[in-house]
Amino acid sequence: MPKNPPESMQHHLRQRLNAHAKGRWPQLARVDVRFRTGFAYVSGELKDGEQLPLCRLRFTGVLHTWGFALYLASRGSTRTTSCPADCPPAAPKTASTAPATSTSATNQPDRHPSTS
């Protein structure tokens, strides 16, 4: 059975995600991270308390290397995402849209090309 990362890594991930969200998505009050069988489930909390699922991270055993699956509101589930083989494990180089917009449950057109 996959194991959760040690408490120190869990704490580090929570701090890092909250710091990133504070600088990029001011509409979020905070980012919640819960761990279960080797996965970190990440959701954003709006200032009114509403929770927005954002993504699922898979613990690989290395602090700065996580597998990821983005939450798709249109499907109500996560979808595993992959990078090209030459993609380094680093932060995205382009600005992303706010999670509250990209995970909205309203019927808005998809703003990003999807890969099915």
PDB file of N, CA and C in Angstrom:
ATOM      1  N   MET A   1       0.840  -1.173   0.000  1.00  0.00           N
ATOM      2  CA  MET A   1       0.000   0.000   0.000  1.00  0.00           C
ATOM      3  C   MET A   1       0.893   1.247   0.000  1.00  0.00           C
ATOM      4  N   PRO A   2       0.606   2.226  -0.866  1.00  0.00           N
ATOM      5  CA  PRO A   2       1.404   3.457  -0.888  1.00  0.00           C
ATOM      6  C   PRO A   2       1.344   4.173   0.452  1.00  0.00           C
ATOM      7  N   LYS A   3       2.467   4.755   0.821  1.00  0.00           N
ATOM      8  CA  LYS A   3       2.551   5.454   2.097  1.00  0.00           C
ATOM      9  C   LYS A   3       2.477   6.960   1.886  1.00  0.00           C
ATOM     10  N   ASN A   4       1.966   7.645   2.901  1.00  0.00           N
ATOM     11  CA  ASN A   4       1.970   9.097   2.888  1.00  0.00           C
ATOM     12  C   ASN A   4       3.376   9.598   3.162  1.00  0.00           C
ATOM     13  N   PRO A   5       3.676  10.822   2.704  1.00  0.00           N
ATOM     14  CA  PRO A   5       4.993  11.382   3.023  1.00  0.00           C
ATOM     15  C   PRO A   5       5.103  11.632   4.521  1.00  0.00           C
ATOM     16  N   PRO A   6       6.336  11.743   5.020  1.00  0.00           N
ATOM     17  CA  PRO A   6       6.524  12.049   6.435  1.00  0.00           C
ATOM     18  C   PRO A   6       5.870  13.394   6.785  1.00  0.00           C
ATOM     19  N   GLU A   7       5.560  13.579   8.069  1.00  0.00           N
ATOM     20  CA  GLU A   7       4.919  14.825   8.534  1.00  0.00           C
ATOM     21  C   GLU A   7       5.671  16.068   8.069  1.00  0.00           C
ATOM     22  N   SER A   8       6.998  16.020   8.092  1.00  0.00           N
ATOM     23  CA  SER A   8       7.783  17.201   7.687  1.00  0.00           C
ATOM     24  C   SER A   8       7.520  17.567   6.231  1.00  0.00           C
ATOM     25  N   MET A   9       7.392  16.567   5.348  1.00  0.00           N
ATOM     26  CA  MET A   9       7.084  16.831   3.942  1.00  0.00           C
ATOM     27  C   MET A   9       5.656  17.341   3.785  1.00  0.00           C
ATOM     28  N   GLN A  10       4.732  16.777   4.548  1.00  0.00           N
ATOM     29  CA  GLN A  10       3.343  17.240   4.484  1.00  0.00           C
ATOM     30  C   GLN A  10       3.272  18.718   4.876  1.00  0.00           C
ATOM     31  N   HIS A  11       3.963  19.062   5.949  1.00  0.00           N
ATOM     32  CA  HIS A  11       3.983  20.449   6.421  1.00  0.00           C
ATOM     33  C   HIS A  11       4.589  21.367   5.350  1.00  0.00           C
ATOM     34  N   HIS A  12       5.710  20.940   4.769  1.00  0.00           N
ATOM     35  CA  HIS A  12       6.389  21.725   3.734  1.00  0.00           C
ATOM     36  C   HIS A  12       5.460  21.945   2.531  1.00  0.00           C
ATOM     37  N   LEU A  13       4.770  20.897   2.097  1.00  0.00           N
ATOM     38  CA  LEU A  13       3.872  21.015   0.947  1.00  0.00           C
ATOM     39  C   LEU A  13       2.739  21.991   1.251  1.00  0.00           C
ATOM     40  N   ARG A  14       2.147  21.891   2.430  1.00  0.00           N
ATOM     41  CA  ARG A  14       1.065  22.818   2.807  1.00  0.00           C
ATOM     42  C   ARG A  14       1.561  24.263   2.795  1.00  0.00           C
ATOM     43  N   GLN A  15       2.727  24.492   3.387  1.00  0.00           N
ATOM     44  CA  GLN A  15       3.283  25.848   3.418  1.00  0.00           C
ATOM     45  C   GLN A  15       3.554  26.378   2.014  1.00  0.00           C
ATOM     46  N   ARG A  16       4.140  25.552   1.189  1.00  0.00           N
ATOM     47  CA  ARG A  16       4.502  25.970  -0.169  1.00  0.00           C
ATOM     48  C   ARG A  16       3.268  26.283  -1.005  1.00  0.00           C
ATOM     49  N   LEU A  17       2.245  25.427  -0.923  1.00  0.00           N
ATOM     50  CA  LEU A  17       1.025  25.663  -1.689  1.00  0.00           C
ATOM     51  C   LEU A  17       0.289  26.915  -1.201  1.00  0.00           C
ATOM     52  N   ASN A  18       0.224  27.113   0.108  1.00  0.00           N
ATOM     53  CA  ASN A  18      -0.437  28.299   0.641  1.00  0.00           C
ATOM     54  C   ASN A  18       0.316  29.577   0.286  1.00  0.00           C
ATOM     55  N   ALA A  19       1.631  29.554   0.326  1.00  0.00           N
ATOM     56  CA  ALA A  19       2.419  30.731  -0.058  1.00  0.00           C
ATOM     57  C   ALA A  19       2.202  31.057  -1.530  1.00  0.00           C
ATOM     58  N   HIS A  20       2.186  30.029  -2.375  1.00  0.00           N
ATOM     59  CA  HIS A  20       1.970  30.231  -3.806  1.00  0.00           C
ATOM     60  C   HIS A  20       0.575  30.803  -4.057  1.00  0.00           C
ATOM     61  N   ALA A  21      -0.425  30.242  -3.404  1.00  0.00           N
ATOM     62  CA  ALA A  21      -1.807  30.708  -3.591  1.00  0.00           C
ATOM     63  C   ALA A  21      -1.971  32.143  -3.110  1.00  0.00           C
ATOM     64  N   LYS A  22      -1.344  32.486  -2.005  1.00  0.00           N
ATOM     65  CA  LYS A  22      -1.463  33.842  -1.454  1.00  0.00           C
ATOM     66  C   LYS A  22      -0.959  34.876  -2.460  1.00  0.00           C
ATOM     67  N   GLY A  23       0.111  34.567  -3.147  1.00  0.00           N
ATOM     68  CA  GLY A  23       0.677  35.485  -4.130  1.00  0.00           C
ATOM     69  C   GLY A  23      -0.037  35.491  -5.466  1.00  0.00           C
ATOM     70  N   ARG A  24      -0.663  34.386  -5.843  1.00  0.00           N
ATOM     71  CA  ARG A  24      -1.264  34.263  -7.174  1.00  0.00           C
ATOM     72  C   ARG A  24      -2.785  34.364  -7.192  1.00  0.00           C
ATOM     73  N   TRP A  25      -3.440  33.879  -6.138  1.00  0.00           N
ATOM     74  CA  TRP A  25      -4.900  33.800  -6.136  1.00  0.00           C
ATOM     75  C   TRP A  25      -5.463  34.416  -4.858  1.00  0.00           C
ATOM     76  N   PRO A  26      -5.521  35.734  -4.787  1.00  0.00           N
ATOM     77  CA  PRO A  26      -5.971  36.399  -3.558  1.00  0.00           C
ATOM     78  C   PRO A  26      -7.420  36.096  -3.189  1.00  0.00           C
ATOM     79  N   GLN A  27      -8.218  35.587  -4.123  1.00  0.00           N
ATOM     80  CA  GLN A  27      -9.608  35.245  -3.797  1.00  0.00           C
ATOM     81  C   GLN A  27      -9.702  33.997  -2.915  1.00  0.00           C
ATOM     82  N   LEU A  28      -8.613  33.258  -2.776  1.00  0.00           N
ATOM     83  CA  LEU A  28      -8.597  32.101  -1.885  1.00  0.00           C
ATOM     84  C   LEU A  28      -8.207  32.521  -0.479  1.00  0.00           C
ATOM     85  N   ALA A  29      -8.947  32.049   0.501  1.00  0.00           N
ATOM     86  CA  ALA A  29      -8.589  32.297   1.898  1.00  0.00           C
ATOM     87  C   ALA A  29      -7.401  31.422   2.277  1.00  0.00           C
ATOM     88  N   ARG A  30      -7.393  30.190   1.753  1.00  0.00           N
ATOM     89  CA  ARG A  30      -6.289  29.262   2.023  1.00  0.00           C
ATOM     90  C   ARG A  30      -6.415  28.047   1.125  1.00  0.00           C
ATOM     91  N   VAL A  31      -5.382  27.230   1.167  1.00  0.00           N
ATOM     92  CA  VAL A  31      -5.366  25.961   0.441  1.00  0.00           C
ATOM     93  C   VAL A  31      -5.381  24.849   1.484  1.00  0.00           C
ATOM     94  N   ASP A  32      -6.287  23.899   1.309  1.00  0.00           N
ATOM     95  CA  ASP A  32      -6.360  22.739   2.200  1.00  0.00           C
ATOM     96  C   ASP A  32      -5.724  21.549   1.504  1.00  0.00           C
ATOM     97  N   VAL A  33      -4.945  20.794   2.257  1.00  0.00           N
ATOM     98  CA  VAL A  33      -4.303  19.590   1.720  1.00  0.00           C
ATOM     99  C   VAL A  33      -4.577  18.457   2.697  1.00  0.00           C
ATOM    100  N   ARG A  34      -5.153  17.375   2.180  1.00  0.00           N
ATOM    101  CA  ARG A  34      -5.343  16.191   3.023  1.00  0.00           C
ATOM    102  C   ARG A  34      -4.659  15.016   2.337  1.00  0.00           C
ATOM    103  N   PHE A  35      -4.101  14.146   3.142  1.00  0.00           N
ATOM    104  CA  PHE A  35      -3.309  13.031   2.628  1.00  0.00           C
ATOM    105  C   PHE A  35      -4.047  11.720   2.850  1.00  0.00           C
ATOM    106  N   ARG A  36      -3.968  10.856   1.819  1.00  0.00           N
ATOM    107  CA  ARG A  36      -4.584   9.536   1.915  1.00  0.00           C
ATOM    108  C   ARG A  36      -3.886   8.579   0.961  1.00  0.00           C
ATOM    109  N   THR A  37      -3.372   7.512   1.483  1.00  0.00           N
ATOM    110  CA  THR A  37      -2.699   6.426   0.738  1.00  0.00           C
ATOM    111  C   THR A  37      -1.802   6.916  -0.402  1.00  0.00           C
ATOM    112  N   GLY A  38      -0.856   7.779  -0.076  1.00  0.00           N
ATOM    113  CA  GLY A  38       0.126   8.215  -1.060  1.00  0.00           C
ATOM    114  C   GLY A  38      -0.306   9.373  -1.936  1.00  0.00           C
ATOM    115  N   PHE A  39      -1.479   9.926  -1.703  1.00  0.00           N
ATOM    116  CA  PHE A  39      -1.963  11.052  -2.485  1.00  0.00           C
ATOM    117  C   PHE A  39      -2.220  12.249  -1.578  1.00  0.00           C
ATOM    118  N   ALA A  40      -2.024  13.437  -2.129  1.00  0.00           N
ATOM    119  CA  ALA A  40      -2.384  14.685  -1.451  1.00  0.00           C
ATOM    120  C   ALA A  40      -3.529  15.286  -2.253  1.00  0.00           C
ATOM    121  N   TYR A  41      -4.678  15.447  -1.623  1.00  0.00           N
ATOM    122  CA  TYR A  41      -5.850  16.037  -2.276  1.00  0.00           C
ATOM    123  C   TYR A  41      -5.873  17.512  -1.919  1.00  0.00           C
ATOM    124  N   VAL A  42      -5.792  18.376  -2.932  1.00  0.00           N
ATOM    125  CA  VAL A  42      -5.654  19.815  -2.730  1.00  0.00           C
ATOM    126  C   VAL A  42      -6.950  20.516  -3.117  1.00  0.00           C
ATOM    127  N   SER A  43      -7.430  21.356  -2.210  1.00  0.00           N
ATOM    128  CA  SER A  43      -8.611  22.168  -2.514  1.00  0.00           C
ATOM    129  C   SER A  43      -8.352  23.589  -2.044  1.00  0.00           C
ATOM    130  N   GLY A  44      -9.004  24.527  -2.710  1.00  0.00           N
ATOM    131  CA  GLY A  44      -8.917  25.928  -2.325  1.00  0.00           C
ATOM    132  C   GLY A  44     -10.153  26.293  -1.531  1.00  0.00           C
ATOM    133  N   GLU A  45      -9.970  27.125  -0.530  1.00  0.00           N
ATOM    134  CA  GLU A  45     -11.116  27.588   0.250  1.00  0.00           C
ATOM    135  C   GLU A  45     -11.315  29.074  -0.028  1.00  0.00           C
ATOM    136  N   LEU A  46     -12.511  29.411  -0.527  1.00  0.00           N
ATOM    137  CA  LEU A  46     -12.830  30.810  -0.763  1.00  0.00           C
ATOM    138  C   LEU A  46     -13.105  31.507   0.561  1.00  0.00           C
ATOM    139  N   LYS A  47     -13.129  32.824   0.539  1.00  0.00           N
ATOM    140  CA  LYS A  47     -13.329  33.588   1.774  1.00  0.00           C
ATOM    141  C   LYS A  47     -14.678  33.329   2.414  1.00  0.00           C
ATOM    142  N   ASP A  48     -15.680  32.868   1.631  1.00  0.00           N
ATOM    143  CA  ASP A  48     -16.992  32.540   2.205  1.00  0.00           C
ATOM    144  C   ASP A  48     -17.058  31.107   2.722  1.00  0.00           C
ATOM    145  N   GLY A  49     -15.933  30.373   2.644  1.00  0.00           N
ATOM    146  CA  GLY A  49     -15.870  29.013   3.162  1.00  0.00           C
ATOM    147  C   GLY A  49     -16.109  27.932   2.123  1.00  0.00           C
ATOM    148  N   GLU A  50     -16.517  28.304   0.915  1.00  0.00           N
ATOM    149  CA  GLU A  50     -16.751  27.308  -0.140  1.00  0.00           C
ATOM    150  C   GLU A  50     -15.434  26.624  -0.514  1.00  0.00           C
ATOM    151  N   GLN A  51     -15.478  25.295  -0.639  1.00  0.00           N
ATOM    152  CA  GLN A  51     -14.314  24.499  -1.009  1.00  0.00           C
ATOM    153  C   GLN A  51     -14.346  24.204  -2.510  1.00  0.00           C
ATOM    154  N   LEU A  52     -13.215  24.391  -3.176  1.00  0.00           N
ATOM    155  CA  LEU A  52     -13.080  24.099  -4.600  1.00  0.00           C
ATOM    156  C   LEU A  52     -11.984  23.057  -4.789  1.00  0.00           C
ATOM    157  N   PRO A  53     -12.325  21.851  -5.234  1.00  0.00           N
ATOM    158  CA  PRO A  53     -11.272  20.867  -5.504  1.00  0.00           C
ATOM    159  C   PRO A  53     -10.364  21.392  -6.608  1.00  0.00           C
ATOM    160  N   LEU A  54      -9.057  21.237  -6.436  1.00  0.00           N
ATOM    161  CA  LEU A  54      -8.109  21.739  -7.422  1.00  0.00           C
ATOM    162  C   LEU A  54      -7.347  20.623  -8.127  1.00  0.00           C
ATOM    163  N   CYS A  55      -6.735  19.737  -7.335  1.00  0.00           N
ATOM    164  CA  CYS A  55      -5.926  18.688  -7.949  1.00  0.00           C
ATOM    165  C   CYS A  55      -5.622  17.591  -6.935  1.00  0.00           C
ATOM    166  N   ARG A  56      -5.012  16.549  -7.454  1.00  0.00           N
ATOM    167  CA  ARG A  56      -4.522  15.453  -6.612  1.00  0.00           C
ATOM    168  C   ARG A  56      -3.044  15.283  -6.949  1.00  0.00           C
ATOM    169  N   LEU A  57      -2.211  15.233  -5.935  1.00  0.00           N
ATOM    170  CA  LEU A  57      -0.780  15.028  -6.120  1.00  0.00           C
ATOM    171  C   LEU A  57      -0.416  13.622  -5.654  1.00  0.00           C
ATOM    172  N   ARG A  58       0.448  12.950  -6.402  1.00  0.00           N
ATOM    173  CA  ARG A  58       0.891  11.603  -6.026  1.00  0.00           C
ATOM    174  C   ARG A  58       2.296  11.690  -5.460  1.00  0.00           C
ATOM    175  N   PHE A  59       2.468  11.184  -4.251  1.00  0.00           N
ATOM    176  CA  PHE A  59       3.770  11.192  -3.591  1.00  0.00           C
ATOM    177  C   PHE A  59       4.691  10.198  -4.280  1.00  0.00           C
ATOM    178  N   THR A  60       5.871  10.675  -4.705  1.00  0.00           N
ATOM    179  CA  THR A  60       6.826   9.807  -5.397  1.00  0.00           C
ATOM    180  C   THR A  60       7.989   9.399  -4.508  1.00  0.00           C
ATOM    181  N   GLY A  61       8.033   9.958  -3.300  1.00  0.00           N
ATOM    182  CA  GLY A  61       9.142   9.665  -2.406  1.00  0.00           C
ATOM    183  C   GLY A  61      10.185  10.761  -2.386  1.00  0.00           C
ATOM    184  N   VAL A  62      10.044  11.755  -3.266  1.00  0.00           N
ATOM    185  CA  VAL A  62      10.985  12.865  -3.355  1.00  0.00           C
ATOM    186  C   VAL A  62      10.218  14.161  -3.101  1.00  0.00           C
ATOM    187  N   LEU A  63      10.756  15.026  -2.241  1.00  0.00           N
ATOM    188  CA  LEU A  63      10.060  16.233  -1.813  1.00  0.00           C
ATOM    189  C   LEU A  63       9.543  17.103  -2.955  1.00  0.00           C
ATOM    190  N   HIS A  64      10.359  17.387  -3.940  1.00  0.00           N
ATOM    191  CA  HIS A  64       9.967  18.326  -4.995  1.00  0.00           C
ATOM    192  C   HIS A  64       9.497  17.639  -6.277  1.00  0.00           C
ATOM    193  N   THR A  65       9.203  16.356  -6.223  1.00  0.00           N
ATOM    194  CA  THR A  65       8.715  15.641  -7.396  1.00  0.00           C
ATOM    195  C   THR A  65       7.421  14.929  -7.042  1.00  0.00           C
ATOM    196  N   TRP A  66       6.320  15.390  -7.606  1.00  0.00           N
ATOM    197  CA  TRP A  66       4.995  14.825  -7.343  1.00  0.00           C
ATOM    198  C   TRP A  66       4.302  14.559  -8.671  1.00  0.00           C
ATOM    199  N   GLY A  67       3.604  13.444  -8.780  1.00  0.00           N
ATOM    200  CA  GLY A  67       2.728  13.229  -9.916  1.00  0.00           C
ATOM    201  C   GLY A  67       1.491  14.074  -9.679  1.00  0.00           C
ATOM    202  N   PHE A  68       0.759  14.423 -10.734  1.00  0.00           N
ATOM    203  CA  PHE A  68      -0.406  15.252 -10.500  1.00  0.00           C
ATOM    204  C   PHE A  68      -1.559  14.925 -11.446  1.00  0.00           C
ATOM    205  N   ALA A  69      -2.735  15.211 -10.951  1.00  0.00           N
ATOM    206  CA  ALA A  69      -3.965  15.074 -11.738  1.00  0.00           C
ATOM    207  C   ALA A  69      -4.795  16.310 -11.441  1.00  0.00           C
ATOM    208  N   LEU A  70      -5.208  17.013 -12.482  1.00  0.00           N
ATOM    209  CA  LEU A  70      -6.001  18.223 -12.307  1.00  0.00           C
ATOM    210  C   LEU A  70      -7.469  17.880 -12.122  1.00  0.00           C
ATOM    211  N   TYR A  71      -8.160  18.660 -11.300  1.00  0.00           N
ATOM    212  CA  TYR A  71      -9.594  18.477 -11.109  1.00  0.00           C
ATOM    213  C   TYR A  71     -10.321  19.150 -12.266  1.00  0.00           C
ATOM    214  N   LEU A  72     -11.225  18.419 -12.898  1.00  0.00           N
ATOM    215  CA  LEU A  72     -12.037  18.958 -13.981  1.00  0.00           C
ATOM    216  C   LEU A  72     -13.482  19.056 -13.505  1.00  0.00           C
ATOM    217  N   ALA A  73     -13.954  20.271 -13.294  1.00  0.00           N
ATOM    218  CA  ALA A  73     -15.318  20.466 -12.810  1.00  0.00           C
ATOM    219  C   ALA A  73     -16.334  19.912 -13.797  1.00  0.00           C
ATOM    220  N   SER A  74     -16.026  19.971 -15.073  1.00  0.00           N
ATOM    221  CA  SER A  74     -16.963  19.477 -16.088  1.00  0.00           C
ATOM    222  C   SER A  74     -17.207  17.979 -15.960  1.00  0.00           C
ATOM    223  N   ARG A  75     -16.254  17.269 -15.378  1.00  0.00           N
ATOM    224  CA  ARG A  75     -16.401  15.822 -15.195  1.00  0.00           C
ATOM    225  C   ARG A  75     -16.610  15.440 -13.740  1.00  0.00           C
ATOM    226  N   GLY A  76     -16.341  16.391 -12.841  1.00  0.00           N
ATOM    227  CA  GLY A  76     -16.486  16.114 -11.415  1.00  0.00           C
ATOM    228  C   GLY A  76     -15.448  15.136 -10.896  1.00  0.00           C
ATOM    229  N   SER A  77     -14.297  15.092 -11.550  1.00  0.00           N
ATOM    230  CA  SER A  77     -13.247  14.163 -11.136  1.00  0.00           C
ATOM    231  C   SER A  77     -11.889  14.702 -11.575  1.00  0.00           C
ATOM    232  N   THR A  78     -10.843  14.005 -11.143  1.00  0.00           N
ATOM    233  CA  THR A  78      -9.497  14.399 -11.553  1.00  0.00           C
ATOM    234  C   THR A  78      -9.088  13.633 -12.795  1.00  0.00           C
ATOM    235  N   ARG A  79      -8.164  14.206 -13.535  1.00  0.00           N
ATOM    236  CA  ARG A  79      -7.614  13.558 -14.721  1.00  0.00           C
ATOM    237  C   ARG A  79      -6.104  13.664 -14.652  1.00  0.00           C
ATOM    238  N   THR A  80      -5.445  12.523 -14.736  1.00  0.00           N
ATOM    239  CA  THR A  80      -3.988  12.494 -14.679  1.00  0.00           C
ATOM    240  C   THR A  80      -3.425  13.303 -15.835  1.00  0.00           C
ATOM    241  N   THR A  81      -2.439  14.106 -15.521  1.00  0.00           N
ATOM    242  CA  THR A  81      -1.822  14.991 -16.491  1.00  0.00           C
ATOM    243  C   THR A  81      -0.370  14.580 -16.641  1.00  0.00           C
ATOM    244  N   SER A  82       0.126  14.635 -17.842  1.00  0.00           N
ATOM    245  CA  SER A  82       1.532  14.285 -18.037  1.00  0.00           C
ATOM    246  C   SER A  82       2.239  15.404 -18.784  1.00  0.00           C
ATOM    247  N   CYS A  83       3.522  15.501 -18.538  1.00  0.00           N
ATOM    248  CA  CYS A  83       4.369  16.476 -19.209  1.00  0.00           C
ATOM    249  C   CYS A  83       5.154  15.751 -20.291  1.00  0.00           C
ATOM    250  N   PRO A  84       5.633  16.495 -21.273  1.00  0.00           N
ATOM    251  CA  PRO A  84       6.520  15.869 -22.264  1.00  0.00           C
ATOM    252  C   PRO A  84       7.739  15.283 -21.574  1.00  0.00           C
ATOM    253  N   ALA A  85       8.377  14.329 -22.197  1.00  0.00           N
ATOM    254  CA  ALA A  85       9.518  13.643 -21.602  1.00  0.00           C
ATOM    255  C   ALA A  85      10.639  14.597 -21.209  1.00  0.00           C
ATOM    256  N   ASP A  86      10.812  15.697 -21.953  1.00  0.00           N
ATOM    257  CA  ASP A  86      11.897  16.623 -21.645  1.00  0.00           C
ATOM    258  C   ASP A  86      11.483  17.719 -20.666  1.00  0.00           C
ATOM    259  N   CYS A  87      10.284  17.625 -20.112  1.00  0.00           N
ATOM    260  CA  CYS A  87       9.779  18.625 -19.171  1.00  0.00           C
ATOM    261  C   CYS A  87      10.446  18.430 -17.810  1.00  0.00           C
ATOM    262  N   PRO A  88      11.203  19.418 -17.333  1.00  0.00           N
ATOM    263  CA  PRO A  88      11.856  19.272 -16.027  1.00  0.00           C
ATOM    264  C   PRO A  88      10.838  19.402 -14.897  1.00  0.00           C
ATOM    265  N   PRO A  89      11.083  18.781 -13.761  1.00  0.00           N
ATOM    266  CA  PRO A  89      10.169  18.917 -12.623  1.00  0.00           C
ATOM    267  C   PRO A  89      10.335  20.293 -11.990  1.00  0.00           C
ATOM    268  N   ALA A  90       9.640  21.289 -12.534  1.00  0.00           N
ATOM    269  CA  ALA A  90       9.760  22.654 -12.045  1.00  0.00           C
ATOM    270  C   ALA A  90       8.407  23.337 -12.110  1.00  0.00           C
ATOM    271  N   ALA A  91       8.357  24.544 -11.608  1.00  0.00           N
ATOM    272  CA  ALA A  91       7.123  25.323 -11.646  1.00  0.00           C
ATOM    273  C   ALA A  91       6.784  25.685 -13.089  1.00  0.00           C
ATOM    274  N   PRO A  92       5.490  25.856 -13.406  1.00  0.00           N
ATOM    275  CA  PRO A  92       5.116  26.264 -14.762  1.00  0.00           C
ATOM    276  C   PRO A  92       5.786  27.585 -15.123  1.00  0.00           C
ATOM    277  N   LYS A  93       6.099  27.752 -16.396  1.00  0.00           N
ATOM    278  CA  LYS A  93       6.770  28.960 -16.842  1.00  0.00           C
ATOM    279  C   LYS A  93       5.791  30.041 -17.256  1.00  0.00           C
ATOM    280  N   THR A  94       4.524  29.694 -17.409  1.00  0.00           N
ATOM    281  CA  THR A  94       3.526  30.685 -17.777  1.00  0.00           C
ATOM    282  C   THR A  94       2.532  30.853 -16.647  1.00  0.00           C
ATOM    283  N   ALA A  95       1.935  32.024 -16.589  1.00  0.00           N
ATOM    284  CA  ALA A  95       0.937  32.274 -15.545  1.00  0.00           C
ATOM    285  C   ALA A  95      -0.286  31.409 -15.808  1.00  0.00           C
ATOM    286  N   SER A  96      -0.883  30.908 -14.741  1.00  0.00           N
ATOM    287  CA  SER A  96      -2.086  30.099 -14.895  1.00  0.00           C
ATOM    288  C   SER A  96      -3.290  30.910 -14.466  1.00  0.00           C
ATOM    289  N   THR A  97      -4.462  30.430 -14.825  1.00  0.00           N
ATOM    290  CA  THR A  97      -5.672  31.119 -14.419  1.00  0.00           C
ATOM    291  C   THR A  97      -5.950  30.814 -12.957  1.00  0.00           C
ATOM    292  N   ALA A  98      -6.758  31.631 -12.349  1.00  0.00           N
ATOM    293  CA  ALA A  98      -7.104  31.434 -10.938  1.00  0.00           C
ATOM    294  C   ALA A  98      -7.883  30.150 -10.769  1.00  0.00           C
ATOM    295  N   PRO A  99      -7.629  29.395  -9.699  1.00  0.00           N
ATOM    296  CA  PRO A  99      -8.338  28.144  -9.497  1.00  0.00           C
ATOM    297  C   PRO A  99      -9.850  28.326  -9.427  1.00  0.00           C
ATOM    298  N   ALA A 100     -10.310  29.435  -8.871  1.00  0.00           N
ATOM    299  CA  ALA A 100     -11.744  29.649  -8.755  1.00  0.00           C
ATOM    300  C   ALA A 100     -12.388  29.743 -10.124  1.00  0.00           C
ATOM    301  N   THR A 101     -11.648  30.216 -11.112  1.00  0.00           N
ATOM    302  CA  THR A 101     -12.166  30.302 -12.469  1.00  0.00           C
ATOM    303  C   THR A 101     -12.054  28.957 -13.172  1.00  0.00           C
ATOM    304  N   SER A 102     -10.894  28.317 -13.060  1.00  0.00           N
ATOM    305  CA  SER A 102     -10.671  27.090 -13.807  1.00  0.00           C
ATOM    306  C   SER A 102     -11.425  25.900 -13.243  1.00  0.00           C
ATOM    307  N   THR A 103     -11.896  25.988 -12.026  1.00  0.00           N
ATOM    308  CA  THR A 103     -12.629  24.864 -11.454  1.00  0.00           C
ATOM    309  C   THR A 103     -14.103  25.188 -11.242  1.00  0.00           C
ATOM    310  N   SER A 104     -14.559  26.272 -11.834  1.00  0.00           N
ATOM    311  CA  SER A 104     -15.944  26.684 -11.641  1.00  0.00           C
ATOM    312  C   SER A 104     -16.901  25.607 -12.133  1.00  0.00           C
ATOM    313  N   ALA A 105     -17.958  25.380 -11.381  1.00  0.00           N
ATOM    314  CA  ALA A 105     -18.937  24.365 -11.752  1.00  0.00           C
ATOM    315  C   ALA A 105     -19.983  24.917 -12.703  1.00  0.00           C
ATOM    316  N   THR A 106     -19.920  26.205 -13.020  1.00  0.00           N
ATOM    317  CA  THR A 106     -20.896  26.783 -13.946  1.00  0.00           C
ATOM    318  C   THR A 106     -20.576  26.355 -15.363  1.00  0.00           C
ATOM    319  N   ASN A 107     -21.507  26.502 -16.232  1.00  0.00           N
ATOM    320  CA  ASN A 107     -21.320  26.098 -17.624  1.00  0.00           C
ATOM    321  C   ASN A 107     -20.595  27.192 -18.393  1.00  0.00           C
ATOM    322  N   GLN A 108     -19.304  27.261 -18.228  1.00  0.00           N
ATOM    323  CA  GLN A 108     -18.485  28.213 -18.950  1.00  0.00           C
ATOM    324  C   GLN A 108     -17.662  27.447 -19.965  1.00  0.00           C
ATOM    325  N   PRO A 109     -17.387  28.067 -21.106  1.00  0.00           N
ATOM    326  CA  PRO A 109     -16.549  27.376 -22.090  1.00  0.00           C
ATOM    327  C   PRO A 109     -15.154  27.151 -21.530  1.00  0.00           C
ATOM    328  N   ASP A 110     -14.557  26.040 -21.911  1.00  0.00           N
ATOM    329  CA  ASP A 110     -13.206  25.714 -21.482  1.00  0.00           C
ATOM    330  C   ASP A 110     -12.252  26.724 -22.103  1.00  0.00           C
ATOM    331  N   ARG A 111     -11.419  27.350 -21.297  1.00  0.00           N
ATOM    332  CA  ARG A 111     -10.520  28.380 -21.768  1.00  0.00           C
ATOM    333  C   ARG A 111      -9.188  27.816 -22.236  1.00  0.00           C
ATOM    334  N   HIS A 112      -8.952  26.556 -21.996  1.00  0.00           N
ATOM    335  CA  HIS A 112      -7.690  25.934 -22.370  1.00  0.00           C
ATOM    336  C   HIS A 112      -7.976  24.755 -23.280  1.00  0.00           C
ATOM    337  N   PRO A 113      -7.111  24.536 -24.269  1.00  0.00           N
ATOM    338  CA  PRO A 113      -7.307  23.348 -25.098  1.00  0.00           C
ATOM    339  C   PRO A 113      -7.179  22.098 -24.237  1.00  0.00           C
ATOM    340  N   SER A 114      -8.036  21.154 -24.466  1.00  0.00           N
ATOM    341  CA  SER A 114      -7.965  19.927 -23.668  1.00  0.00           C
ATOM    342  C   SER A 114      -7.380  18.811 -24.500  1.00  0.00           C
ATOM    343  N   THR A 115      -6.770  17.888 -23.802  1.00  0.00           N
ATOM    344  CA  THR A 115      -6.238  16.706 -24.463  1.00  0.00           C
ATOM    345  C   THR A 115      -7.036  15.531 -23.954  1.00  0.00           C
ATOM    346  N   SER A 116      -7.707  14.869 -24.829  1.00  0.00           N
ATOM    347  CA  SER A 116      -8.543  13.738 -24.430  1.00  0.00           C
ATOM    348  C   SER A 116      -7.932  12.437 -24.834  1.00  0.00           C
TER     349      SER A 116
END
